[in-house]
């Protein structure tokens, strides 16, 4: 009985994962999100529209 419950739980988790992947927009993976909004000079994430804290203002 316990094996049946665990198996159904795992199958349910697999189905949820498959539907979750279908909902994500294509072509916008983790690399695209991390590469955007960083200073070209130092590589720090840029928050807002102000200059980078490093002072080099690498756009």
C-alpha atoms as a PDB file:
ATOM      1  CA  UNK A   1       0.000   0.000   0.000  1.00  0.00           C
ATOM      2  CA  UNK A   2       2.829   2.377   0.860  1.00  0.00           C
ATOM      3  CA  UNK A   3       4.572   1.676  -2.461  1.00  0.00           C
ATOM      4  CA  UNK A   4       1.368   2.513  -4.323  1.00  0.00           C
ATOM      5  CA  UNK A   5       1.064   5.878  -2.529  1.00  0.00           C
ATOM      6  CA  UNK A   6       4.700   6.770  -3.208  1.00  0.00           C
ATOM      7  CA  UNK A   7       4.352   5.780  -6.876  1.00  0.00           C
ATOM      8  CA  UNK A   8       1.232   7.904  -7.333  1.00  0.00           C
ATOM      9  CA  UNK A   9       2.942  10.840  -5.645  1.00  0.00           C
ATOM     10  CA  UNK A  10       5.962  10.580  -7.949  1.00  0.00           C
ATOM     11  CA  UNK A  11       3.779  10.285 -11.049  1.00  0.00           C
ATOM     12  CA  UNK A  12       1.861  13.374  -9.921  1.00  0.00           C
ATOM     13  CA  UNK A  13       5.090  15.312  -9.430  1.00  0.00           C
ATOM     14  CA  UNK A  14       6.300  14.308 -12.896  1.00  0.00           C
ATOM     15  CA  UNK A  15       3.029  15.508 -14.446  1.00  0.00           C
ATOM     16  CA  UNK A  16       3.262  18.830 -12.613  1.00  0.00           C
ATOM     17  CA  UNK A  17       6.838  19.284 -13.826  1.00  0.00           C
ATOM     18  CA  UNK A  18       5.838  18.580 -17.425  1.00  0.00           C
ATOM     19  CA  UNK A  19       2.995  21.107 -17.316  1.00  0.00           C
ATOM     20  CA  UNK A  20       5.260  23.658 -15.634  1.00  0.00           C
ATOM     21  CA  UNK A  21       7.785  23.388 -18.462  1.00  0.00           C
ATOM     22  CA  UNK A  22       5.043  23.934 -21.035  1.00  0.00           C
ATOM     23  CA  UNK A  23       4.018  27.198 -19.395  1.00  0.00           C
ATOM     24  CA  UNK A  24       7.521  28.734 -19.456  1.00  0.00           C
ATOM     25  CA  UNK A  25       8.179  30.998 -22.454  1.00  0.00           C
ATOM     26  CA  UNK A  26      10.567  29.534 -24.997  1.00  0.00           C
ATOM     27  CA  UNK A  27      14.009  31.029 -25.603  1.00  0.00           C
ATOM     28  CA  UNK A  28      14.266  32.777 -22.251  1.00  0.00           C
ATOM     29  CA  UNK A  29      16.324  30.490 -20.092  1.00  0.00           C
ATOM     30  CA  UNK A  30      18.496  31.192 -17.089  1.00  0.00           C
ATOM     31  CA  UNK A  31      21.353  32.441 -19.255  1.00  0.00           C
ATOM     32  CA  UNK A  32      19.172  35.135 -20.797  1.00  0.00           C
ATOM     33  CA  UNK A  33      17.965  36.340 -17.427  1.00  0.00           C
ATOM     34  CA  UNK A  34      21.401  36.457 -15.824  1.00  0.00           C
ATOM     35  CA  UNK A  35      23.185  38.167 -18.708  1.00  0.00           C
ATOM     36  CA  UNK A  36      20.794  41.099 -18.818  1.00  0.00           C
ATOM     37  CA  UNK A  37      21.203  44.113 -16.564  1.00  0.00           C
ATOM     38  CA  UNK A  38      24.858  43.739 -15.616  1.00  0.00           C
ATOM     39  CA  UNK A  39      27.632  46.297 -15.696  1.00  0.00           C
ATOM     40  CA  UNK A  40      30.000  45.665 -18.603  1.00  0.00           C
ATOM     41  CA  UNK A  41      33.000  46.896 -16.614  1.00  0.00           C
ATOM     42  CA  UNK A  42      32.695  44.962 -13.349  1.00  0.00           C
ATOM     43  CA  UNK A  43      29.868  42.448 -13.953  1.00  0.00           C
ATOM     44  CA  UNK A  44      27.725  43.524 -10.995  1.00  0.00           C
ATOM     45  CA  UNK A  45      23.937  43.389 -11.393  1.00  0.00           C
ATOM     46  CA  UNK A  46      22.462  46.787 -12.207  1.00  0.00           C
ATOM     47  CA  UNK A  47      19.378  47.700 -10.209  1.00  0.00           C
ATOM     48  CA  UNK A  48      17.448  50.718 -11.383  1.00  0.00           C
ATOM     49  CA  UNK A  49      18.567  53.285 -13.944  1.00  0.00           C
ATOM     50  CA  UNK A  50      21.373  54.946 -11.998  1.00  0.00           C
ATOM     51  CA  UNK A  51      25.097  54.518 -12.585  1.00  0.00           C
ATOM     52  CA  UNK A  52      26.989  51.439 -11.439  1.00  0.00           C
ATOM     53  CA  UNK A  53      28.570  51.634  -7.962  1.00  0.00           C
ATOM     54  CA  UNK A  54      31.992  50.822  -9.463  1.00  0.00           C
ATOM     55  CA  UNK A  55      32.042  54.303 -11.034  1.00  0.00           C
ATOM     56  CA  UNK A  56      33.070  53.114 -14.479  1.00  0.00           C
ATOM     57  CA  UNK A  57      29.470  53.249 -15.776  1.00  0.00           C
ATOM     58  CA  UNK A  58      29.971  50.351 -18.165  1.00  0.00           C
ATOM     59  CA  UNK A  59      26.717  50.084 -20.066  1.00  0.00           C
END
